[in-house]
């Protein structure tokens, strides 16, 4: 079912509220969704990079600080 929204006339706040509603719906019905096949491949690749030492895991706060510094925010 095609859904059209008046995106050109919606405020940023209105658009964000629509997005929040969509994500809330996803989070409440996540068990009905199936991840695409490529998603498992990407996760396996990332796990392999962590295992072989070419990537590392950072906590979210550290990652945000690194990104902000890199982007000069």
PDB file of N, CA and C in Angstrom:
ATOM      1  N   UNK A   1       0.842  -1.162   0.000  1.00  0.00           N
ATOM      2  CA  UNK A   1       0.000   0.000   0.000  1.00  0.00           C
ATOM      3  C   UNK A   1       0.897   1.238   0.000  1.00  0.00           C
ATOM      4  N   UNK A   2       0.844   2.025  -1.068  1.00  0.00           N
ATOM      5  CA  UNK A   2       1.646   3.244  -1.101  1.00  0.00           C
ATOM      6  C   UNK A   2       1.083   4.288  -0.135  1.00  0.00           C
ATOM      7  N   UNK A   3       1.978   4.875   0.616  1.00  0.00           N
ATOM      8  CA  UNK A   3       1.597   5.926   1.559  1.00  0.00           C
ATOM      9  C   UNK A   3       2.346   7.182   1.152  1.00  0.00           C
ATOM     10  N   UNK A   4       1.622   8.261   1.034  1.00  0.00           N
ATOM     11  CA  UNK A   4       2.274   9.523   0.696  1.00  0.00           C
ATOM     12  C   UNK A   4       2.107  10.491   1.858  1.00  0.00           C
ATOM     13  N   UNK A   5       3.161  11.218   2.106  1.00  0.00           N
ATOM     14  CA  UNK A   5       3.150  12.242   3.147  1.00  0.00           C
ATOM     15  C   UNK A   5       3.537  13.565   2.505  1.00  0.00           C
ATOM     16  N   UNK A   6       3.026  14.643   3.017  1.00  0.00           N
ATOM     17  CA  UNK A   6       3.373  15.952   2.458  1.00  0.00           C
ATOM     18  C   UNK A   6       4.746  16.412   2.980  1.00  0.00           C
ATOM     19  N   UNK A   7       5.788  15.667   2.611  1.00  0.00           N
ATOM     20  CA  UNK A   7       7.120  15.920   3.152  1.00  0.00           C
ATOM     21  C   UNK A   7       7.604  17.346   2.908  1.00  0.00           C
ATOM     22  N   UNK A   8       7.251  17.889   1.770  1.00  0.00           N
ATOM     23  CA  UNK A   8       7.711  19.249   1.439  1.00  0.00           C
ATOM     24  C   UNK A   8       7.167  20.290   2.406  1.00  0.00           C
ATOM     25  N   UNK A   9       6.009  20.022   2.970  1.00  0.00           N
ATOM     26  CA  UNK A   9       5.386  21.012   3.848  1.00  0.00           C
ATOM     27  C   UNK A   9       5.495  20.652   5.330  1.00  0.00           C
ATOM     28  N   UNK A  10       6.031  19.480   5.617  1.00  0.00           N
ATOM     29  CA  UNK A  10       6.160  19.062   7.022  1.00  0.00           C
ATOM     30  C   UNK A  10       7.378  19.716   7.653  1.00  0.00           C
ATOM     31  N   UNK A  11       7.250  20.066   8.914  1.00  0.00           N
ATOM     32  CA  UNK A  11       8.388  20.614   9.642  1.00  0.00           C
ATOM     33  C   UNK A  11       9.343  19.472   9.997  1.00  0.00           C
ATOM     34  N   UNK A  12      10.550  19.831  10.371  1.00  0.00           N
ATOM     35  CA  UNK A  12      11.521  18.828  10.806  1.00  0.00           C
ATOM     36  C   UNK A  12      10.961  18.079  12.006  1.00  0.00           C
ATOM     37  N   UNK A  13      10.341  18.790  12.926  1.00  0.00           N
ATOM     38  CA  UNK A  13       9.763  18.151  14.104  1.00  0.00           C
ATOM     39  C   UNK A  13       8.678  17.146  13.715  1.00  0.00           C
ATOM     40  N   UNK A  14       7.832  17.507  12.766  1.00  0.00           N
ATOM     41  CA  UNK A  14       6.794  16.583  12.301  1.00  0.00           C
ATOM     42  C   UNK A  14       7.417  15.331  11.682  1.00  0.00           C
ATOM     43  N   UNK A  15       8.454  15.511  10.878  1.00  0.00           N
ATOM     44  CA  UNK A  15       9.129  14.369  10.249  1.00  0.00           C
ATOM     45  C   UNK A  15       9.758  13.464  11.301  1.00  0.00           C
ATOM     46  N   UNK A  16      10.377  14.062  12.297  1.00  0.00           N
ATOM     47  CA  UNK A  16      10.980  13.274  13.370  1.00  0.00           C
ATOM     48  C   UNK A  16       9.924  12.500  14.145  1.00  0.00           C
ATOM     49  N   UNK A  17       8.765  13.108  14.360  1.00  0.00           N
ATOM     50  CA  UNK A  17       7.687  12.410  15.059  1.00  0.00           C
ATOM     51  C   UNK A  17       7.191  11.212  14.251  1.00  0.00           C
ATOM     52  N   UNK A  18       7.109  11.357  12.942  1.00  0.00           N
ATOM     53  CA  UNK A  18       6.717  10.246  12.080  1.00  0.00           C
ATOM     54  C   UNK A  18       7.757   9.131  12.170  1.00  0.00           C
ATOM     55  N   UNK A  19       9.027   9.500  12.106  1.00  0.00           N
ATOM     56  CA  UNK A  19      10.091   8.505  12.211  1.00  0.00           C
ATOM     57  C   UNK A  19      10.042   7.781  13.554  1.00  0.00           C
ATOM     58  N   UNK A  20       9.824   8.525  14.618  1.00  0.00           N
ATOM     59  CA  UNK A  20       9.719   7.920  15.955  1.00  0.00           C
ATOM     60  C   UNK A  20       8.564   6.933  16.002  1.00  0.00           C
ATOM     61  N   UNK A  21       7.453   7.283  15.404  1.00  0.00           N
ATOM     62  CA  UNK A  21       6.302   6.385  15.386  1.00  0.00           C
ATOM     63  C   UNK A  21       6.600   5.102  14.626  1.00  0.00           C
ATOM     64  N   UNK A  22       7.297   5.237  13.512  1.00  0.00           N
ATOM     65  CA  UNK A  22       7.665   4.058  12.721  1.00  0.00           C
ATOM     66  C   UNK A  22       8.611   3.162  13.516  1.00  0.00           C
ATOM     67  N   UNK A  23       9.642   3.753  14.143  1.00  0.00           N
ATOM     68  CA  UNK A  23      10.592   2.948  14.915  1.00  0.00           C
ATOM     69  C   UNK A  23       9.919   2.305  16.121  1.00  0.00           C
ATOM     70  N   UNK A  24       8.992   2.990  16.744  1.00  0.00           N
ATOM     71  CA  UNK A  24       8.264   2.401  17.865  1.00  0.00           C
ATOM     72  C   UNK A  24       7.480   1.179  17.386  1.00  0.00           C
ATOM     73  N   UNK A  25       6.849   1.295  16.235  1.00  0.00           N
ATOM     74  CA  UNK A  25       6.109   0.173  15.670  1.00  0.00           C
ATOM     75  C   UNK A  25       7.048  -0.996  15.378  1.00  0.00           C
ATOM     76  N   UNK A  26       8.215  -0.709  14.797  1.00  0.00           N
ATOM     77  CA  UNK A  26       9.202  -1.763  14.548  1.00  0.00           C
ATOM     78  C   UNK A  26       9.608  -2.448  15.848  1.00  0.00           C
ATOM     79  N   UNK A  27       9.893  -1.653  16.861  1.00  0.00           N
ATOM     80  CA  UNK A  27      10.400  -2.224  18.109  1.00  0.00           C
ATOM     81  C   UNK A  27       9.348  -3.075  18.810  1.00  0.00           C
ATOM     82  N   UNK A  28       8.092  -2.771  18.600  1.00  0.00           N
ATOM     83  CA  UNK A  28       7.024  -3.550  19.222  1.00  0.00           C
ATOM     84  C   UNK A  28       6.704  -4.825  18.448  1.00  0.00           C
ATOM     85  N   UNK A  29       7.121  -4.869  17.192  1.00  0.00           N
ATOM     86  CA  UNK A  29       6.813  -6.017  16.332  1.00  0.00           C
ATOM     87  C   UNK A  29       8.070  -6.638  15.738  1.00  0.00           C
ATOM     88  N   UNK A  30       9.211  -6.487  16.431  1.00  0.00           N
ATOM     89  CA  UNK A  30      10.476  -6.949  15.861  1.00  0.00           C
ATOM     90  C   UNK A  30      10.488  -8.445  15.582  1.00  0.00           C
ATOM     91  N   UNK A  31       9.740  -9.225  16.351  1.00  0.00           N
ATOM     92  CA  UNK A  31       9.744 -10.669  16.154  1.00  0.00           C
ATOM     93  C   UNK A  31       9.059 -11.085  14.848  1.00  0.00           C
ATOM     94  N   UNK A  32       8.337 -10.177  14.235  1.00  0.00           N
ATOM     95  CA  UNK A  32       7.673 -10.465  12.964  1.00  0.00           C
ATOM     96  C   UNK A  32       8.579 -10.164  11.772  1.00  0.00           C
ATOM     97  N   UNK A  33       9.702  -9.490  12.018  1.00  0.00           N
ATOM     98  CA  UNK A  33      10.597  -9.102  10.934  1.00  0.00           C
ATOM     99  C   UNK A  33      11.756 -10.085  10.830  1.00  0.00           C
ATOM    100  N   UNK A  34      12.199 -10.307   9.624  1.00  0.00           N
ATOM    101  CA  UNK A  34      13.325 -11.181   9.387  1.00  0.00           C
ATOM    102  C   UNK A  34      14.466 -10.344   8.814  1.00  0.00           C
ATOM    103  N   UNK A  35      15.655 -10.530   9.371  1.00  0.00           N
ATOM    104  CA  UNK A  35      16.810  -9.805   8.856  1.00  0.00           C
ATOM    105  C   UNK A  35      17.141 -10.302   7.457  1.00  0.00           C
ATOM    106  N   UNK A  36      17.606  -9.399   6.589  1.00  0.00           N
ATOM    107  CA  UNK A  36      18.003  -9.842   5.247  1.00  0.00           C
ATOM    108  C   UNK A  36      19.266 -10.705   5.332  1.00  0.00           C
ATOM    109  N   UNK A  37      19.474 -11.556   4.358  1.00  0.00           N
ATOM    110  CA  UNK A  37      20.617 -12.486   4.346  1.00  0.00           C
ATOM    111  C   UNK A  37      21.944 -11.745   4.446  1.00  0.00           C
ATOM    112  N   UNK A  38      22.055 -10.593   3.797  1.00  0.00           N
ATOM    113  CA  UNK A  38      23.326  -9.874   3.803  1.00  0.00           C
ATOM    114  C   UNK A  38      23.699  -9.419   5.213  1.00  0.00           C
ATOM    115  N   UNK A  39      22.707  -9.257   6.080  1.00  0.00           N
ATOM    116  CA  UNK A  39      22.984  -8.776   7.424  1.00  0.00           C
ATOM    117  C   UNK A  39      23.856  -9.770   8.187  1.00  0.00           C
ATOM    118  N   UNK A  40      23.555 -11.058   8.085  1.00  0.00           N
ATOM    119  CA  UNK A  40      24.360 -12.089   8.742  1.00  0.00           C
ATOM    120  C   UNK A  40      25.785 -12.081   8.199  1.00  0.00           C
ATOM    121  N   UNK A  41      25.931 -11.848   6.891  1.00  0.00           N
ATOM    122  CA  UNK A  41      27.261 -11.799   6.277  1.00  0.00           C
ATOM    123  C   UNK A  41      28.072 -10.629   6.827  1.00  0.00           C
ATOM    124  N   UNK A  42      27.450  -9.472   6.953  1.00  0.00           N
ATOM    125  CA  UNK A  42      28.135  -8.290   7.481  1.00  0.00           C
ATOM    126  C   UNK A  42      28.549  -8.523   8.931  1.00  0.00           C
ATOM    127  N   UNK A  43      27.651  -9.091   9.729  1.00  0.00           N
ATOM    128  CA  UNK A  43      27.986  -9.365  11.132  1.00  0.00           C
ATOM    129  C   UNK A  43      29.137 -10.354  11.242  1.00  0.00           C
ATOM    130  N   UNK A  44      29.127 -11.407  10.417  1.00  0.00           N
ATOM    131  CA  UNK A  44      30.206 -12.398  10.443  1.00  0.00           C
ATOM    132  C   UNK A  44      31.534 -11.759  10.053  1.00  0.00           C
ATOM    133  N   UNK A  45      31.510 -10.887   9.063  1.00  0.00           N
ATOM    134  CA  UNK A  45      32.725 -10.194   8.638  1.00  0.00           C
ATOM    135  C   UNK A  45      33.268  -9.311   9.760  1.00  0.00           C
ATOM    136  N   UNK A  46      32.396  -8.607  10.428  1.00  0.00           N
ATOM    137  CA  UNK A  46      32.828  -7.736  11.526  1.00  0.00           C
ATOM    138  C   UNK A  46      33.368  -8.552  12.694  1.00  0.00           C
ATOM    139  N   UNK A  47      32.727  -9.672  13.016  1.00  0.00           N
ATOM    140  CA  UNK A  47      33.229 -10.537  14.080  1.00  0.00           C
ATOM    141  C   UNK A  47      34.615 -11.068  13.734  1.00  0.00           C
ATOM    142  N   UNK A  48      34.818 -11.420  12.466  1.00  0.00           N
ATOM    143  CA  UNK A  48      36.122 -11.920  12.030  1.00  0.00           C
ATOM    144  C   UNK A  48      37.187 -10.840  12.167  1.00  0.00           C
ATOM    145  N   UNK A  49      36.856  -9.605  11.825  1.00  0.00           N
ATOM    146  CA  UNK A  49      37.829  -8.502  11.952  1.00  0.00           C
ATOM    147  C   UNK A  49      38.194  -8.264  13.404  1.00  0.00           C
ATOM    148  N   UNK A  50      37.236  -8.380  14.310  1.00  0.00           N
ATOM    149  CA  UNK A  50      37.538  -8.244  15.740  1.00  0.00           C
ATOM    150  C   UNK A  50      38.423  -9.400  16.183  1.00  0.00           C
ATOM    151  N   UNK A  51      38.089 -10.611  15.743  1.00  0.00           N
ATOM    152  CA  UNK A  51      38.840 -11.799  16.144  1.00  0.00           C
ATOM    153  C   UNK A  51      40.278 -11.767  15.648  1.00  0.00           C
ATOM    154  N   UNK A  52      40.504 -11.246  14.432  1.00  0.00           N
ATOM    155  CA  UNK A  52      41.873 -11.235  13.907  1.00  0.00           C
ATOM    156  C   UNK A  52      42.625  -9.946  14.238  1.00  0.00           C
ATOM    157  N   UNK A  53      41.993  -9.056  14.982  1.00  0.00           N
ATOM    158  CA  UNK A  53      42.678  -7.863  15.461  1.00  0.00           C
ATOM    159  C   UNK A  53      42.684  -6.674  14.528  1.00  0.00           C
ATOM    160  N   UNK A  54      41.982  -6.743  13.404  1.00  0.00           N
ATOM    161  CA  UNK A  54      41.957  -5.601  12.484  1.00  0.00           C
ATOM    162  C   UNK A  54      40.857  -4.605  12.829  1.00  0.00           C
ATOM    163  N   UNK A  55      40.036  -4.948  13.813  1.00  0.00           N
ATOM    164  CA  UNK A  55      38.994  -4.034  14.299  1.00  0.00           C
ATOM    165  C   UNK A  55      38.861  -4.260  15.800  1.00  0.00           C
ATOM    166  N   UNK A  56      38.314  -3.265  16.473  1.00  0.00           N
ATOM    167  CA  UNK A  56      38.107  -3.412  17.900  1.00  0.00           C
ATOM    168  C   UNK A  56      36.748  -2.838  18.274  1.00  0.00           C
ATOM    169  N   UNK A  57      36.248  -3.272  19.411  1.00  0.00           N
ATOM    170  CA  UNK A  57      34.951  -2.820  19.893  1.00  0.00           C
ATOM    171  C   UNK A  57      35.181  -1.722  20.928  1.00  0.00           C
ATOM    172  N   UNK A  58      34.444  -0.632  20.794  1.00  0.00           N
ATOM    173  CA  UNK A  58      34.497   0.460  21.759  1.00  0.00           C
ATOM    174  C   UNK A  58      33.123   0.616  22.396  1.00  0.00           C
ATOM    175  N   UNK A  59      33.099   1.084  23.631  1.00  0.00           N
ATOM    176  CA  UNK A  59      31.810   1.388  24.223  1.00  0.00           C
ATOM    177  C   UNK A  59      31.236   2.618  23.513  1.00  0.00           C
ATOM    178  N   UNK A  60      29.943   2.802  23.627  1.00  0.00           N
ATOM    179  CA  UNK A  60      29.255   3.846  22.873  1.00  0.00           C
ATOM    180  C   UNK A  60      29.763   5.244  23.203  1.00  0.00           C
ATOM    181  N   UNK A  61      30.025   5.531  24.470  1.00  0.00           N
ATOM    182  CA  UNK A  61      30.498   6.870  24.841  1.00  0.00           C
ATOM    183  C   UNK A  61      31.854   7.169  24.199  1.00  0.00           C
ATOM    184  N   UNK A  62      32.751   6.200  24.195  1.00  0.00           N
ATOM    185  CA  UNK A  62      34.065   6.379  23.564  1.00  0.00           C
ATOM    186  C   UNK A  62      33.902   6.570  22.062  1.00  0.00           C
ATOM    187  N   UNK A  63      33.039   5.781  21.451  1.00  0.00           N
ATOM    188  CA  UNK A  63      32.809   5.896  20.009  1.00  0.00           C
ATOM    189  C   UNK A  63      32.264   7.283  19.657  1.00  0.00           C
ATOM    190  N   UNK A  64      31.321   7.789  20.454  1.00  0.00           N
ATOM    191  CA  UNK A  64      30.774   9.132  20.184  1.00  0.00           C
ATOM    192  C   UNK A  64      31.851  10.196  20.293  1.00  0.00           C
ATOM    193  N   UNK A  65      32.696  10.098  21.331  1.00  0.00           N
ATOM    194  CA  UNK A  65      33.775  11.080  21.482  1.00  0.00           C
ATOM    195  C   UNK A  65      34.721  11.037  20.275  1.00  0.00           C
ATOM    196  N   UNK A  66      35.059   9.836  19.833  1.00  0.00           N
ATOM    197  CA  UNK A  66      35.953   9.688  18.672  1.00  0.00           C
ATOM    198  C   UNK A  66      35.328  10.285  17.420  1.00  0.00           C
ATOM    199  N   UNK A  67      34.052   9.997  17.191  1.00  0.00           N
ATOM    200  CA  UNK A  67      33.380  10.540  16.016  1.00  0.00           C
ATOM    201  C   UNK A  67      33.277  12.056  16.063  1.00  0.00           C
ATOM    202  N   UNK A  68      32.944  12.581  17.240  1.00  0.00           N
ATOM    203  CA  UNK A  68      32.844  14.042  17.365  1.00  0.00           C
ATOM    204  C   UNK A  68      34.192  14.706  17.107  1.00  0.00           C
ATOM    205  N   UNK A  69      35.265  14.116  17.624  1.00  0.00           N
ATOM    206  CA  UNK A  69      36.599  14.669  17.397  1.00  0.00           C
ATOM    207  C   UNK A  69      36.962  14.595  15.910  1.00  0.00           C
ATOM    208  N   UNK A  70      36.665  13.464  15.297  1.00  0.00           N
ATOM    209  CA  UNK A  70      36.976  13.282  13.875  1.00  0.00           C
ATOM    210  C   UNK A  70      36.189  14.252  13.005  1.00  0.00           C
ATOM    211  N   UNK A  71      34.935  14.485  13.359  1.00  0.00           N
ATOM    212  CA  UNK A  71      34.075  15.369  12.581  1.00  0.00           C
ATOM    213  C   UNK A  71      34.140  16.810  13.047  1.00  0.00           C
ATOM    214  N   UNK A  72      34.918  17.053  14.084  1.00  0.00           N
ATOM    215  CA  UNK A  72      35.096  18.378  14.671  1.00  0.00           C
ATOM    216  C   UNK A  72      33.760  18.985  15.092  1.00  0.00           C
ATOM    217  N   UNK A  73      32.980  18.211  15.813  1.00  0.00           N
ATOM    218  CA  UNK A  73      31.674  18.690  16.292  1.00  0.00           C
ATOM    219  C   UNK A  73      31.791  19.182  17.719  1.00  0.00           C
TER     220      UNK A  73
END
